[in-house]
Protein backbone atom coordinates (compact mmCIF):
# COMPACT_ATOMS: atom_id res chain seq x y z
CA MET A 1 52.90 82.76 214.69
CA ASP A 2 53.29 86.37 215.81
CA ASN A 3 49.92 88.14 216.06
CA VAL A 4 48.04 85.01 215.00
CA THR A 5 45.09 83.91 217.13
CA THR A 6 44.20 80.30 216.44
CA LEU A 7 41.01 78.50 217.37
CA ASP A 8 41.23 77.22 220.95
CA LEU A 9 39.96 73.64 221.00
CA SER A 10 41.45 72.80 224.39
CA PRO A 11 38.12 73.03 226.29
CA TYR A 12 36.82 70.07 224.27
CA PRO A 13 37.77 66.44 224.97
CA PRO A 14 40.19 64.57 222.68
CA LYS A 15 38.22 61.33 223.06
CA PRO A 16 36.54 59.70 220.04
CA PRO A 17 32.93 60.57 219.20
CA ASP A 18 30.28 58.29 220.69
CA LYS A 19 28.91 57.22 217.32
CA GLU A 20 30.45 56.33 213.98
CA ILE A 21 30.91 59.30 211.65
CA ASN A 22 31.41 59.21 207.88
CA LEU A 23 34.05 61.49 206.48
CA LEU A 24 35.41 62.26 203.03
CA PHE A 25 39.00 63.30 202.38
CA ILE A 26 39.56 65.07 199.05
CA HIS A 27 43.27 64.85 198.25
CA HIS A 28 46.03 63.86 195.88
CA SER A 29 49.38 62.17 196.58
CA THR A 30 50.34 63.54 199.98
CA GLY A 31 46.86 62.92 201.39
CA GLY A 32 46.84 59.34 200.17
CA GLN A 33 50.23 58.74 201.72
CA LEU A 34 49.18 60.38 204.97
CA LEU A 35 46.30 57.91 205.24
CA ALA A 36 48.29 54.80 204.29
CA GLN A 37 50.18 52.37 206.47
CA VAL A 38 53.93 52.07 205.90
CA GLY A 39 54.83 49.46 203.28
CA GLU A 40 55.31 48.92 199.59
CA PRO A 41 53.14 51.20 197.41
CA VAL A 42 49.80 49.44 197.04
CA GLY A 43 46.91 51.36 195.54
CA ASP A 44 45.74 53.43 192.59
CA ASN A 45 45.00 57.10 191.94
CA SER A 46 46.90 58.11 195.12
CA ILE A 47 44.53 56.02 197.25
CA TYR A 48 46.92 53.73 199.04
CA VAL A 49 46.58 50.80 201.42
CA THR A 50 50.32 50.99 202.10
CA HIS A 51 53.10 53.33 200.99
CA PRO A 52 56.75 53.89 202.00
CA ARG A 53 55.80 57.41 203.11
CA GLY A 54 52.70 56.25 204.99
CA GLY A 55 51.48 58.10 208.06
CA GLY A 56 48.86 55.61 209.26
CA LEU A 57 46.02 58.11 209.51
CA ARG A 58 43.32 55.78 208.15
CA ILE A 59 43.85 53.22 210.91
CA LEU A 60 43.85 55.97 213.54
CA LEU A 61 40.59 57.33 212.15
CA GLU A 62 38.99 53.89 212.26
CA GLN A 63 40.15 53.43 215.84
CA ASN A 64 38.45 56.70 216.71
CA ASN A 65 35.04 55.84 215.25
CA TYR A 66 35.41 57.44 211.82
CA THR A 67 34.74 55.78 208.47
CA ALA A 68 37.09 57.38 205.97
CA HIS A 69 36.24 57.75 202.29
CA GLU A 70 38.58 59.18 199.67
CA ALA A 71 38.25 61.11 196.43
CA SER A 72 41.41 61.61 194.41
CA TYR A 73 42.74 61.50 190.83
CA GLY A 74 40.32 60.08 188.28
CA SER A 75 37.12 61.00 190.11
CA ILE A 76 34.55 63.74 189.69
CA ILE A 77 35.18 65.05 193.19
CA GLY A 78 38.92 64.56 193.55
CA ASP A 79 40.38 65.19 190.12
CA LYS A 80 41.49 68.80 190.70
CA THR A 81 42.60 69.99 194.11
CA ASP A 82 44.63 73.14 193.60
CA ILE A 83 43.46 76.17 195.57
CA CYS A 84 42.06 77.69 192.37
CA HIS A 85 39.72 74.68 192.03
CA TRP A 86 38.04 74.77 195.44
CA ASN A 87 35.64 77.62 194.71
CA ASN A 88 34.00 75.98 191.71
CA LYS A 89 34.18 72.49 193.23
CA PHE A 90 32.24 73.37 196.37
CA LYS A 91 29.89 75.72 194.54
CA VAL A 92 28.88 73.18 191.89
CA LEU A 93 29.51 69.78 193.48
CA MET A 94 28.57 70.23 197.14
CA ASP A 95 25.66 67.75 196.98
CA LYS A 96 27.90 65.09 195.42
CA ILE A 97 30.67 65.79 197.93
CA LEU A 98 28.31 65.20 200.83
CA LEU A 99 27.16 61.89 199.31
CA CYS A 100 30.50 60.59 198.04
CA SER A 101 31.40 57.17 199.43
CA GLY A 102 34.65 56.92 197.47
CA GLN A 103 35.88 58.14 194.08
CA ASN A 104 32.82 58.04 191.78
CA GLU A 105 30.53 56.16 194.15
CA PHE A 106 27.72 57.88 196.04
CA TYR A 107 25.31 57.03 198.81
CA THR A 108 21.71 56.48 197.70
CA ASP A 109 20.13 55.64 201.07
CA GLY A 110 20.20 59.09 202.66
CA THR A 111 23.60 58.62 204.28
CA LYS A 112 25.85 61.69 204.18
CA ASN A 113 29.39 62.55 205.08
CA ARG A 114 29.35 64.66 208.23
CA ILE A 115 33.01 65.65 207.86
CA ILE A 116 34.68 66.92 204.70
CA MET A 117 38.47 67.15 204.73
CA PHE A 118 40.20 68.83 201.79
CA LYS A 119 43.82 69.56 200.95
CA SER A 120 45.85 71.04 198.14
CA CYS A 121 49.31 69.66 197.41
CA TYR A 122 52.75 71.20 197.97
CA PRO A 123 53.09 73.05 194.59
CA ASN A 124 50.47 75.44 195.98
CA SER A 125 53.01 76.60 198.57
CA TYR A 126 54.94 78.45 195.88
CA ILE A 127 53.05 81.74 196.13
CA SER A 128 54.69 83.84 193.45
CA SER A 129 53.48 87.29 194.54
CA ASP A 130 51.08 89.15 196.78
CA GLY A 131 48.82 89.88 193.83
CA LYS A 132 46.11 92.51 193.77
CA ASP A 133 43.00 92.61 195.93
CA PRO A 134 40.28 91.48 195.81
CA GLY A 135 41.83 88.59 193.87
CA ASP A 136 40.21 86.05 191.58
CA PRO A 137 39.03 82.84 193.32
CA ASP A 138 39.21 80.85 190.08
CA SER A 139 42.57 82.09 188.84
CA CYS A 140 45.39 79.56 188.97
CA GLU A 141 47.98 82.33 189.22
CA MET A 142 49.45 81.58 192.64
CA THR A 143 49.13 84.88 194.48
CA THR A 144 48.11 85.63 198.03
CA ALA A 145 45.18 87.73 196.82
CA ASN A 146 43.81 84.92 194.64
CA TYR A 147 44.24 82.37 197.42
CA LYS A 148 42.39 84.54 199.92
CA ALA A 149 39.60 85.17 197.43
CA ALA A 150 39.16 81.42 196.91
CA TYR A 151 38.93 80.60 200.60
CA ASN A 152 36.73 83.61 201.37
CA ASN A 153 34.20 82.31 198.87
CA LEU A 154 34.17 78.92 200.58
CA ARG A 155 32.74 80.44 203.74
CA LYS A 156 29.38 81.13 202.12
CA TYR A 157 29.12 77.55 200.81
CA PHE A 158 30.09 76.04 204.16
CA GLU A 159 27.69 78.28 206.05
CA LYS A 160 24.83 76.68 204.08
CA GLN A 161 25.84 73.27 205.52
CA PRO A 162 25.73 73.91 209.28
CA ASP A 163 25.57 70.19 210.13
CA THR A 164 28.78 69.36 208.25
CA LEU A 165 32.28 69.91 209.62
CA PHE A 166 34.75 71.19 207.01
CA VAL A 167 38.40 70.58 207.77
CA ALA A 168 40.80 72.61 205.66
CA PHE A 169 44.35 71.28 205.58
CA THR A 170 47.04 73.81 204.80
CA ALA A 171 49.12 72.75 201.80
CA PRO A 172 52.34 70.96 202.76
CA PRO A 173 55.62 72.87 202.34
CA LEU A 174 58.08 72.66 199.51
CA VAL A 175 61.68 71.61 199.75
CA GLU A 176 63.64 74.86 199.77
CA PRO A 177 64.41 75.71 196.13
CA ILE A 178 68.06 76.03 195.09
CA PRO A 179 68.19 78.79 192.47
CA THR A 180 70.34 78.37 189.40
CA ILE A 181 72.97 80.99 188.61
CA LYS A 182 70.62 82.58 186.06
CA GLN A 183 67.83 82.68 188.62
CA ARG A 184 70.11 84.26 191.21
CA ILE A 185 70.99 86.98 188.72
CA LYS A 186 67.29 87.59 188.03
CA MET A 187 66.64 87.82 191.77
CA LEU A 188 69.45 90.36 192.18
CA LEU A 189 67.99 92.40 189.32
CA GLY A 190 64.51 92.23 190.83
CA ARG A 191 63.12 90.21 187.93
CA MET A 192 62.31 87.16 190.01
CA GLU A 193 61.04 86.61 193.54
CA SER A 194 63.65 85.66 196.10
CA VAL A 195 63.42 82.24 197.71
CA GLU A 196 63.13 83.93 201.10
CA ASN A 197 60.09 85.96 200.03
CA VAL A 198 58.32 82.90 198.64
CA GLY A 199 58.81 81.03 201.92
CA MET A 200 57.65 83.99 204.01
CA ARG A 201 54.58 84.37 201.82
CA ALA A 202 53.58 80.72 202.32
CA ARG A 203 53.93 81.10 206.08
CA ALA A 204 51.91 84.32 206.12
CA PHE A 205 49.08 82.84 204.06
CA ASN A 206 48.77 79.74 206.22
CA ASN A 207 48.79 81.90 209.34
CA TRP A 208 45.97 83.94 207.81
CA LEU A 209 43.99 80.76 207.11
CA LYS A 210 43.95 79.73 210.78
CA ASP A 211 43.65 83.20 212.30
CA VAL A 212 40.21 83.57 213.91
CA GLU A 213 40.61 87.25 214.76
CA ASN A 214 42.21 88.79 211.68
CA GLY A 215 42.17 86.03 209.09
CA TRP A 216 39.92 83.70 207.14
CA LEU A 217 37.68 82.77 210.06
CA LYS A 218 37.20 86.27 211.43
CA ASP A 219 33.53 86.77 212.40
CA TYR A 220 32.51 83.42 210.94
CA PRO A 221 29.29 82.65 212.84
CA LEU A 222 29.31 78.83 212.92
CA LYS A 223 31.50 76.10 214.40
CA ASN A 224 31.72 74.00 211.24
CA ILE A 225 35.10 75.14 209.87
CA VAL A 226 38.49 74.27 211.32
CA VAL A 227 41.99 74.55 209.88
CA PHE A 228 44.59 71.85 210.44
CA ASP A 229 48.03 73.35 209.90
CA TYR A 230 49.78 70.49 208.14
CA TYR A 231 52.29 73.03 206.79
CA ASP A 232 53.34 74.18 210.25
CA ILE A 233 53.93 70.66 211.51
CA LEU A 234 56.02 69.76 208.47
CA THR A 235 58.13 72.92 208.79
CA GLY A 236 59.07 72.09 212.37
CA TYR A 237 56.61 74.60 213.85
CA GLY A 238 58.40 77.60 212.43
CA LYS A 239 61.97 76.34 212.43
CA SER A 240 61.82 76.87 208.68
CA ASN A 241 59.38 77.99 206.00
CA TRP A 242 60.38 74.91 204.01
CA ALA A 243 59.98 71.15 204.36
CA MET A 244 61.70 69.65 207.41
CA TYR A 245 60.49 66.10 206.64
CA PRO A 246 61.03 65.77 202.87
CA ALA A 247 61.04 62.47 201.03
CA GLY A 248 64.27 63.50 199.30
CA VAL A 249 66.59 66.38 198.51
CA ARG A 250 64.33 67.42 195.63
CA ASP A 251 61.13 65.61 196.64
CA SER A 252 58.65 67.72 198.60
CA HIS A 253 56.40 64.80 199.51
CA PRO A 254 56.47 64.41 203.31
CA ASN A 255 58.32 61.33 204.48
CA SER A 256 56.83 58.73 206.82
CA GLU A 257 58.20 60.45 209.92
CA GLY A 258 56.50 63.72 209.02
CA ASN A 259 53.25 62.08 208.01
CA THR A 260 53.15 59.93 211.15
CA LYS A 261 53.69 63.00 213.30
CA ALA A 262 50.91 64.87 211.49
CA ALA A 263 48.51 61.89 211.73
CA ARG A 264 49.00 61.57 215.47
CA GLU A 265 48.38 65.27 215.99
CA PHE A 266 45.36 65.27 213.71
CA ILE A 267 43.29 62.76 215.67
CA PRO A 268 42.89 64.73 218.93
CA PHE A 269 42.46 67.88 216.84
CA LEU A 270 39.59 66.30 214.90
CA ASN A 271 37.99 64.76 218.00
CA ARG A 272 37.96 68.12 219.75
CA ALA A 273 36.52 69.85 216.67
CA VAL A 274 33.77 67.22 216.47
CA HIS A 275 32.85 67.66 220.14
CA ARG A 276 32.92 71.44 219.77
CA MET A 277 30.41 71.18 216.95
CA GLY A 278 28.30 68.60 218.74
CA LEU A 279 28.33 65.98 215.99
């Protein structure tokens, strides 16, 4: 967190909004599990009612006057959620995103989602290199330059929707990779990125995303973008650059403890962001 200035939401109350607000969460597996209650896996397309790794966010949202809709696998809006997909998705599908009431269903009575939450999954935390500026927002080569180009393009789409709050979740962390002997040799020869560098790069990018002075939100004129640092919570707030709440030794999905912690932190964060924007 050194030299990172995050948005200060503390002047705004953590209480629920006075009126019901529709929101859409665009996600894949970790998002569906974050929303679900703990229980046996019940649901399709990563939209779960219950799941062993549930975080209970949906119930918390409902208790705070939000109506949560989801778009995930198998839908026009939610089918692709890697960072390289966001630029084209918001450029082409913004109208449908604002009207989406779940998967491939859309409002037809003038109702709109006032909050759009979107999240890429943990494979996006393997940033293979710094890349070359200015980057390509549509390239799926996982470089810092390409990632920054993708998010920088989103600003102009979000600025055209001043009455909608966009909540960007940082991608959850990976379980720390254990290199094979061959991979270790390649690292020593400089032919492959070290595990340490990959972890540091993920941390640096997510810090850039939430930095309002020197990062993604620098000089952004509106109050309709906030960044929820899911990655930071799940790495123990800097104790590691890798998953501290993994579902298993090789499974980077956050476990129920991590998701529950994130869900409980998200609610006051969202409430304050809503009051700051005046929704």
